Amino acid sequence: PIVAQARQRHPDLVIGVRTGLARVAGPACAVGADL
């Protein structure tokens, strides 16, 4: 949800995610993570 909200606030920003869980990484990419 943080990535989703950040994407709405900053449409052009590159957003990176550091997580050890693929089940979290996938949905994060779906809502706006780029890296």
PDB file of all heavy atoms in Angstrom:
ATOM      1  N   PRO A   1       0.810  -1.224   0.000  1.00  0.00           N
ATOM      2  CA  PRO A   1       0.000   0.000   0.000  1.00  0.00           C
ATOM      3  C   PRO A   1       0.840   1.270   0.000  1.00  0.00           C
ATOM      4  O   PRO A   1       0.429   2.288  -0.594  1.00  0.00           O
ATOM      5  CB  PRO A   1      -0.825  -0.114   1.291  1.00  0.00           C
ATOM      6  CG  PRO A   1      -0.180  -1.181   2.103  1.00  0.00           C
ATOM      7  CD  PRO A   1       0.487  -2.093   1.150  1.00  0.00           C
ATOM      8  N   ILE A   2       2.015   1.252   0.616  1.00  0.00           N
ATOM      9  CA  ILE A   2       2.888   2.427   0.592  1.00  0.00           C
ATOM     10  C   ILE A   2       3.352   2.711  -0.830  1.00  0.00           C
ATOM     11  O   ILE A   2       3.354   3.865  -1.283  1.00  0.00           O
ATOM     12  CB  ILE A   2       4.107   2.207   1.521  1.00  0.00           C
ATOM     13  CG1 ILE A   2       3.670   2.286   2.978  1.00  0.00           C
ATOM     14  CG2 ILE A   2       5.199   3.217   1.238  1.00  0.00           C
ATOM     15  CD1 ILE A   2       3.240   3.666   3.423  1.00  0.00           C
ATOM     16  N   VAL A   3       3.748   1.674  -1.561  1.00  0.00           N
ATOM     17  CA  VAL A   3       4.172   1.863  -2.954  1.00  0.00           C
ATOM     18  C   VAL A   3       3.028   2.411  -3.792  1.00  0.00           C
ATOM     19  O   VAL A   3       3.211   3.319  -4.604  1.00  0.00           O
ATOM     20  CB  VAL A   3       4.701   0.537  -3.543  1.00  0.00           C
ATOM     21  CG1 VAL A   3       4.906   0.656  -5.056  1.00  0.00           C
ATOM     22  CG2 VAL A   3       6.011   0.139  -2.874  1.00  0.00           C
ATOM     23  N   ALA A   4       1.831   1.878  -3.586  1.00  0.00           N
ATOM     24  CA  ALA A   4       0.670   2.350  -4.348  1.00  0.00           C
ATOM     25  C   ALA A   4       0.391   3.825  -4.086  1.00  0.00           C
ATOM     26  O   ALA A   4       0.144   4.607  -5.020  1.00  0.00           O
ATOM     27  CB  ALA A   4      -0.556   1.504  -3.999  1.00  0.00           C
ATOM     28  N   GLN A   5       0.455   4.232  -2.830  1.00  0.00           N
ATOM     29  CA  GLN A   5       0.207   5.633  -2.494  1.00  0.00           C
ATOM     30  C   GLN A   5       1.325   6.535  -3.012  1.00  0.00           C
ATOM     31  O   GLN A   5       1.064   7.633  -3.515  1.00  0.00           O
ATOM     32  CB  GLN A   5       0.084   5.781  -0.979  1.00  0.00           C
ATOM     33  CG  GLN A   5      -1.134   5.100  -0.376  1.00  0.00           C
ATOM     34  CD  GLN A   5      -1.083   5.102   1.134  1.00  0.00           C
ATOM     35  OE1 GLN A   5      -0.892   6.127   1.777  1.00  0.00           O
ATOM     36  NE2 GLN A   5      -1.230   3.927   1.733  1.00  0.00           N
ATOM     37  N   ALA A   6       2.565   6.059  -2.900  1.00  0.00           N
ATOM     38  CA  ALA A   6       3.688   6.854  -3.386  1.00  0.00           C
ATOM     39  C   ALA A   6       3.622   7.039  -4.897  1.00  0.00           C
ATOM     40  O   ALA A   6       3.943   8.115  -5.416  1.00  0.00           O
ATOM     41  CB  ALA A   6       5.004   6.191  -2.996  1.00  0.00           C
ATOM     42  N   ARG A   7       3.180   6.009  -5.592  1.00  0.00           N
ATOM     43  CA  ARG A   7       3.062   6.131  -7.054  1.00  0.00           C
ATOM     44  C   ARG A   7       2.032   7.184  -7.434  1.00  0.00           C
ATOM     45  O   ARG A   7       2.216   7.945  -8.391  1.00  0.00           O
ATOM     46  CB  ARG A   7       2.707   4.759  -7.648  1.00  0.00           C
ATOM     47  CG  ARG A   7       2.407   4.751  -9.134  1.00  0.00           C
ATOM     48  CD  ARG A   7       3.540   5.365  -9.948  1.00  0.00           C
ATOM     49  NE  ARG A   7       4.748   4.580  -9.896  1.00  0.00           N
ATOM     50  CZ  ARG A   7       5.975   5.083  -9.908  1.00  0.00           C
ATOM     51  NH1 ARG A   7       6.163   6.386  -9.942  1.00  0.00           N
ATOM     52  NH2 ARG A   7       7.042   4.313  -9.873  1.00  0.00           N
ATOM     53  N   GLN A   8       0.942   7.255  -6.703  1.00  0.00           N
ATOM     54  CA  GLN A   8      -0.070   8.279  -6.982  1.00  0.00           C
ATOM     55  C   GLN A   8       0.481   9.676  -6.737  1.00  0.00           C
ATOM     56  O   GLN A   8       0.199  10.607  -7.493  1.00  0.00           O
ATOM     57  CB  GLN A   8      -1.300   8.039  -6.113  1.00  0.00           C
ATOM     58  CG  GLN A   8      -2.095   6.798  -6.511  1.00  0.00           C
ATOM     59  CD  GLN A   8      -3.358   6.640  -5.673  1.00  0.00           C
ATOM     60  OE1 GLN A   8      -3.489   7.190  -4.584  1.00  0.00           O
ATOM     61  NE2 GLN A   8      -4.301   5.855  -6.183  1.00  0.00           N
ATOM     62  N   ARG A   9       1.271   9.829  -5.677  1.00  0.00           N
ATOM     63  CA  ARG A   9       1.821  11.142  -5.328  1.00  0.00           C
ATOM     64  C   ARG A   9       2.956  11.565  -6.256  1.00  0.00           C
ATOM     65  O   ARG A   9       3.151  12.758  -6.505  1.00  0.00           O
ATOM     66  CB  ARG A   9       2.334  11.129  -3.883  1.00  0.00           C
ATOM     67  CG  ARG A   9       1.235  11.047  -2.856  1.00  0.00           C
ATOM     68  CD  ARG A   9       1.790  10.740  -1.480  1.00  0.00           C
ATOM     69  NE  ARG A   9       2.368  11.877  -0.792  1.00  0.00           N
ATOM     70  CZ  ARG A   9       1.857  12.422   0.323  1.00  0.00           C
ATOM     71  NH1 ARG A   9       0.739  11.926   0.839  1.00  0.00           N
ATOM     72  NH2 ARG A   9       2.453  13.425   0.907  1.00  0.00           N
ATOM     73  N   HIS A  10       3.714  10.579  -6.744  1.00  0.00           N
ATOM     74  CA  HIS A  10       4.902  10.877  -7.554  1.00  0.00           C
ATOM     75  C   HIS A  10       4.897  10.004  -8.814  1.00  0.00           C
ATOM     76  O   HIS A  10       5.602   8.996  -8.890  1.00  0.00           O
ATOM     77  CB  HIS A  10       6.164  10.639  -6.737  1.00  0.00           C
ATOM     78  CG  HIS A  10       6.238  11.446  -5.483  1.00  0.00           C
ATOM     79  ND1 HIS A  10       6.485  12.814  -5.485  1.00  0.00           N
ATOM     80  CD2 HIS A  10       6.070  11.101  -4.187  1.00  0.00           C
ATOM     81  CE1 HIS A  10       6.488  13.255  -4.238  1.00  0.00           C
ATOM     82  NE2 HIS A  10       6.222  12.245  -3.433  1.00  0.00           N
ATOM     83  N   PRO A  11       4.105  10.378  -9.815  1.00  0.00           N
ATOM     84  CA  PRO A  11       3.926   9.520 -10.993  1.00  0.00           C
ATOM     85  C   PRO A  11       5.210   9.229 -11.758  1.00  0.00           C
ATOM     86  O   PRO A  11       5.322   8.176 -12.396  1.00  0.00           O
ATOM     87  CB  PRO A  11       2.946  10.327 -11.867  1.00  0.00           C
ATOM     88  CG  PRO A  11       2.292  11.284 -10.934  1.00  0.00           C
ATOM     89  CD  PRO A  11       3.272  11.598  -9.870  1.00  0.00           C
ATOM     90  N   ASP A  12       6.176  10.154 -11.720  1.00  0.00           N
ATOM     91  CA  ASP A  12       7.380   9.987 -12.530  1.00  0.00           C
ATOM     92  C   ASP A  12       8.576   9.446 -11.751  1.00  0.00           C
ATOM     93  O   ASP A  12       9.640   9.199 -12.325  1.00  0.00           O
ATOM     94  CB  ASP A  12       7.766  11.324 -13.171  1.00  0.00           C
ATOM     95  CG  ASP A  12       6.666  11.872 -14.059  1.00  0.00           C
ATOM     96  OD1 ASP A  12       6.032  11.064 -14.772  1.00  0.00           O
ATOM     97  OD2 ASP A  12       6.431  13.089 -14.042  1.00  0.00           O
ATOM     98  N   LEU A  13       8.429   9.273 -10.459  1.00  0.00           N
ATOM     99  CA  LEU A  13       9.528   8.838  -9.612  1.00  0.00           C
ATOM    100  C   LEU A  13       9.864   7.369  -9.847  1.00  0.00           C
ATOM    101  O   LEU A  13       8.973   6.539 -10.006  1.00  0.00           O
ATOM    102  CB  LEU A  13       9.134   9.033  -8.144  1.00  0.00           C
ATOM    103  CG  LEU A  13      10.139   8.572  -7.079  1.00  0.00           C
ATOM    104  CD1 LEU A  13      11.389   9.446  -7.104  1.00  0.00           C
ATOM    105  CD2 LEU A  13       9.485   8.610  -5.691  1.00  0.00           C
ATOM    106  N   VAL A  14      11.157   7.050  -9.871  1.00  0.00           N
ATOM    107  CA  VAL A  14      11.572   5.647  -9.868  1.00  0.00           C
ATOM    108  C   VAL A  14      11.451   5.126  -8.435  1.00  0.00           C
ATOM    109  O   VAL A  14      12.018   5.710  -7.508  1.00  0.00           O
ATOM    110  CB  VAL A  14      13.016   5.480 -10.368  1.00  0.00           C
ATOM    111  CG1 VAL A  14      13.411   3.997 -10.335  1.00  0.00           C
ATOM    112  CG2 VAL A  14      13.175   6.031 -11.776  1.00  0.00           C
ATOM    113  N   ILE A  15      10.705   4.050  -8.263  1.00  0.00           N
ATOM    114  CA  ILE A  15      10.474   3.474  -6.932  1.00  0.00           C
ATOM    115  C   ILE A  15      11.145   2.110  -6.858  1.00  0.00           C
ATOM    116  O   ILE A  15      10.889   1.229  -7.684  1.00  0.00           O
ATOM    117  CB  ILE A  15       8.971   3.338  -6.632  1.00  0.00           C
ATOM    118  CG1 ILE A  15       8.311   4.726  -6.591  1.00  0.00           C
ATOM    119  CG2 ILE A  15       8.755   2.604  -5.305  1.00  0.00           C
ATOM    120  CD1 ILE A  15       6.807   4.678  -6.383  1.00  0.00           C
ATOM    121  N   GLY A  16      12.006   1.958  -5.857  1.00  0.00           N
ATOM    122  CA  GLY A  16      12.670   0.684  -5.620  1.00  0.00           C
ATOM    123  C   GLY A  16      12.109   0.004  -4.387  1.00  0.00           C
ATOM    124  O   GLY A  16      11.669   0.666  -3.447  1.00  0.00           O
ATOM    125  N   VAL A  17      12.142  -1.313  -4.376  1.00  0.00           N
ATOM    126  CA  VAL A  17      11.606  -2.108  -3.264  1.00  0.00           C
ATOM    127  C   VAL A  17      12.662  -3.120  -2.827  1.00  0.00           C
ATOM    128  O   VAL A  17      13.236  -3.832  -3.664  1.00  0.00           O
ATOM    129  CB  VAL A  17      10.316  -2.840  -3.697  1.00  0.00           C
ATOM    130  CG1 VAL A  17       9.957  -3.924  -2.700  1.00  0.00           C
ATOM    131  CG2 VAL A  17       9.172  -1.854  -3.847  1.00  0.00           C
ATOM    132  N   ARG A  18      12.906  -3.159  -1.521  1.00  0.00           N
ATOM    133  CA  ARG A  18      13.808  -4.172  -0.959  1.00  0.00           C
ATOM    134  C   ARG A  18      12.995  -5.058  -0.018  1.00  0.00           C
ATOM    135  O   ARG A  18      12.567  -4.628   1.046  1.00  0.00           O
ATOM    136  CB  ARG A  18      14.960  -3.510  -0.211  1.00  0.00           C
ATOM    137  CG  ARG A  18      15.814  -2.627  -1.074  1.00  0.00           C
ATOM    138  CD  ARG A  18      16.948  -1.998  -0.275  1.00  0.00           C
ATOM    139  NE  ARG A  18      18.068  -2.912  -0.120  1.00  0.00           N
ATOM    140  CZ  ARG A  18      19.146  -2.636   0.613  1.00  0.00           C
ATOM    141  NH1 ARG A  18      19.217  -1.496   1.281  1.00  0.00           N
ATOM    142  NH2 ARG A  18      20.136  -3.491   0.687  1.00  0.00           N
ATOM    143  N   THR A  19      12.733  -6.263  -0.462  1.00  0.00           N
ATOM    144  CA  THR A  19      11.992  -7.228   0.345  1.00  0.00           C
ATOM    145  C   THR A  19      12.538  -8.606   0.051  1.00  0.00           C
ATOM    146  O   THR A  19      12.998  -8.876  -1.069  1.00  0.00           O
ATOM    147  CB  THR A  19      10.487  -7.191   0.046  1.00  0.00           C
ATOM    148  OG1 THR A  19       9.831  -8.226   0.784  1.00  0.00           O
ATOM    149  CG2 THR A  19      10.194  -7.383  -1.432  1.00  0.00           C
ATOM    150  N   GLY A  20      12.496  -9.481   1.022  1.00  0.00           N
ATOM    151  CA  GLY A  20      12.940 -10.852   0.811  1.00  0.00           C
ATOM    152  C   GLY A  20      11.831 -11.780   0.375  1.00  0.00           C
ATOM    153  O   GLY A  20      12.058 -12.978   0.223  1.00  0.00           O
ATOM    154  N   LEU A  21      10.644 -11.239   0.146  1.00  0.00           N
ATOM    155  CA  LEU A  21       9.475 -12.076  -0.153  1.00  0.00           C
ATOM    156  C   LEU A  21       8.974 -11.834  -1.567  1.00  0.00           C
ATOM    157  O   LEU A  21       8.513 -10.744  -1.905  1.00  0.00           O
ATOM    158  CB  LEU A  21       8.351 -11.780   0.842  1.00  0.00           C
ATOM    159  CG  LEU A  21       8.679 -11.998   2.326  1.00  0.00           C
ATOM    160  CD1 LEU A  21       7.502 -11.564   3.189  1.00  0.00           C
ATOM    161  CD2 LEU A  21       9.034 -13.455   2.590  1.00  0.00           C
ATOM    162  N   ALA A  22       9.016 -12.866  -2.392  1.00  0.00           N
ATOM    163  CA  ALA A  22       8.504 -12.745  -3.759  1.00  0.00           C
ATOM    164  C   ALA A  22       7.008 -12.445  -3.759  1.00  0.00           C
ATOM    165  O   ALA A  22       6.511 -11.735  -4.630  1.00  0.00           O
ATOM    166  CB  ALA A  22       8.793 -14.024  -4.543  1.00  0.00           C
ATOM    167  N   ARG A  23       6.280 -12.973  -2.766  1.00  0.00           N
ATOM    168  CA  ARG A  23       4.834 -12.739  -2.712  1.00  0.00           C
ATOM    169  C   ARG A  23       4.504 -11.284  -2.372  1.00  0.00           C
ATOM    170  O   ARG A  23       3.373 -10.840  -2.575  1.00  0.00           O
ATOM    171  CB  ARG A  23       4.182 -13.679  -1.705  1.00  0.00           C
ATOM    172  CG  ARG A  23       4.672 -13.541  -0.267  1.00  0.00           C
ATOM    173  CD  ARG A  23       3.959 -14.519   0.659  1.00  0.00           C
ATOM    174  NE  ARG A  23       4.508 -14.545   1.996  1.00  0.00           N
ATOM    175  CZ  ARG A  23       4.221 -13.655   2.936  1.00  0.00           C
ATOM    176  NH1 ARG A  23       3.372 -12.665   2.673  1.00  0.00           N
ATOM    177  NH2 ARG A  23       4.757 -13.751   4.142  1.00  0.00           N
ATOM    178  N   VAL A  24       5.474 -10.556  -1.865  1.00  0.00           N
ATOM    179  CA  VAL A  24       5.308  -9.115  -1.649  1.00  0.00           C
ATOM    180  C   VAL A  24       5.822  -8.348  -2.854  1.00  0.00           C
ATOM    181  O   VAL A  24       5.222  -7.355  -3.290  1.00  0.00           O
ATOM    182  CB  VAL A  24       6.045  -8.657  -0.380  1.00  0.00           C
ATOM    183  CG1 VAL A  24       6.035  -7.136  -0.243  1.00  0.00           C
ATOM    184  CG2 VAL A  24       5.422  -9.306   0.853  1.00  0.00           C
ATOM    185  N   ALA A  25       6.938  -8.795  -3.427  1.00  0.00           N
ATOM    186  CA  ALA A  25       7.548  -8.102  -4.561  1.00  0.00           C
ATOM    187  C   ALA A  25       6.623  -8.043  -5.768  1.00  0.00           C
ATOM    188  O   ALA A  25       6.531  -7.011  -6.448  1.00  0.00           O
ATOM    189  CB  ALA A  25       8.856  -8.783  -4.934  1.00  0.00           C
ATOM    190  N   GLY A  26       5.924  -9.132  -6.055  1.00  0.00           N
ATOM    191  CA  GLY A  26       5.027  -9.156  -7.214  1.00  0.00           C
ATOM    192  C   GLY A  26       3.936  -8.111  -7.124  1.00  0.00           C
ATOM    193  O   GLY A  26       3.778  -7.292  -8.036  1.00  0.00           O
ATOM    194  N   PRO A  27       3.142  -8.092  -6.052  1.00  0.00           N
ATOM    195  CA  PRO A  27       2.121  -7.055  -5.911  1.00  0.00           C
ATOM    196  C   PRO A  27       2.699  -5.642  -5.875  1.00  0.00           C
ATOM    197  O   PRO A  27       2.071  -4.700  -6.368  1.00  0.00           O
ATOM    198  CB  PRO A  27       1.453  -7.412  -4.573  1.00  0.00           C
ATOM    199  CG  PRO A  27       1.636  -8.890  -4.449  1.00  0.00           C
ATOM    200  CD  PRO A  27       2.988  -9.159  -5.028  1.00  0.00           C
ATOM    201  N   ALA A  28       3.901  -5.482  -5.312  1.00  0.00           N
ATOM    202  CA  ALA A  28       4.520  -4.159  -5.293  1.00  0.00           C
ATOM    203  C   ALA A  28       4.821  -3.680  -6.706  1.00  0.00           C
ATOM    204  O   ALA A  28       4.612  -2.502  -7.038  1.00  0.00           O
ATOM    205  CB  ALA A  28       5.807  -4.187  -4.458  1.00  0.00           C
ATOM    206  N   CYS A  29       5.297  -4.581  -7.551  1.00  0.00           N
ATOM    207  CA  CYS A  29       5.528  -4.224  -8.954  1.00  0.00           C
ATOM    208  C   CYS A  29       4.208  -3.893  -9.656  1.00  0.00           C
ATOM    209  O   CYS A  29       4.139  -2.977 -10.481  1.00  0.00           O
ATOM    210  CB  CYS A  29       6.229  -5.366  -9.685  1.00  0.00           C
ATOM    211  SG  CYS A  29       7.940  -5.641  -9.196  1.00  0.00           S
ATOM    212  N   ALA A  30       3.171  -4.639  -9.319  1.00  0.00           N
ATOM    213  CA  ALA A  30       1.867  -4.435  -9.954  1.00  0.00           C
ATOM    214  C   ALA A  30       1.293  -3.057  -9.653  1.00  0.00           C
ATOM    215  O   ALA A  30       0.536  -2.506 -10.462  1.00  0.00           O
ATOM    216  CB  ALA A  30       0.894  -5.523  -9.511  1.00  0.00           C
ATOM    217  N   VAL A  31       1.654  -2.473  -8.484  1.00  0.00           N
ATOM    218  CA  VAL A  31       1.091  -1.164  -8.132  1.00  0.00           C
ATOM    219  C   VAL A  31       2.076  -0.021  -8.355  1.00  0.00           C
ATOM    220  O   VAL A  31       1.776   1.119  -8.040  1.00  0.00           O
ATOM    221  CB  VAL A  31       0.594  -1.137  -6.671  1.00  0.00           C
ATOM    222  CG1 VAL A  31      -0.512  -2.149  -6.468  1.00  0.00           C
ATOM    223  CG2 VAL A  31       1.732  -1.366  -5.676  1.00  0.00           C
ATOM    224  N   GLY A  32       3.269  -0.322  -8.905  1.00  0.00           N
ATOM    225  CA  GLY A  32       4.118   0.803  -9.260  1.00  0.00           C
ATOM    226  C   GLY A  32       5.602   0.711  -9.006  1.00  0.00           C
ATOM    227  O   GLY A  32       6.347   1.626  -9.360  1.00  0.00           O
ATOM    228  N   ALA A  33       6.109  -0.375  -8.399  1.00  0.00           N
ATOM    229  CA  ALA A  33       7.548  -0.479  -8.181  1.00  0.00           C
ATOM    230  C   ALA A  33       8.276  -0.688  -9.512  1.00  0.00           C
ATOM    231  O   ALA A  33       7.794  -1.406 -10.394  1.00  0.00           O
ATOM    232  CB  ALA A  33       7.867  -1.626  -7.229  1.00  0.00           C
ATOM    233  N   ASP A  34       9.449  -0.074  -9.639  1.00  0.00           N
ATOM    234  CA  ASP A  34      10.229  -0.133 -10.875  1.00  0.00           C
ATOM    235  C   ASP A  34      11.518  -0.936 -10.735  1.00  0.00           C
ATOM    236  O   ASP A  34      12.160  -1.255 -11.733  1.00  0.00           O
ATOM    237  CB  ASP A  34      10.636   1.282 -11.310  1.00  0.00           C
ATOM    238  CG  ASP A  34       9.461   2.236 -11.404  1.00  0.00           C
ATOM    239  OD1 ASP A  34       8.595   2.013 -12.260  1.00  0.00           O
ATOM    240  OD2 ASP A  34       9.421   3.204 -10.618  1.00  0.00           O
ATOM    241  N   LEU A  35      11.920  -1.208  -9.500  1.00  0.00           N
ATOM    242  CA  LEU A  35      13.228  -1.814  -9.242  1.00  0.00           C
ATOM    243  C   LEU A  35      13.132  -2.694  -8.000  1.00  0.00           C
ATOM    244  O   LEU A  35      12.578  -2.267  -6.982  1.00  0.00           O
ATOM    245  CB  LEU A  35      14.270  -0.714  -9.010  1.00  0.00           C
ATOM    246  CG  LEU A  35      15.693  -1.128  -8.644  1.00  0.00           C
ATOM    247  CD1 LEU A  35      16.396  -1.721  -9.866  1.00  0.00           C
ATOM    248  CD2 LEU A  35      16.481   0.068  -8.117  1.00  0.00           C
TER     249      LEU A  35
END
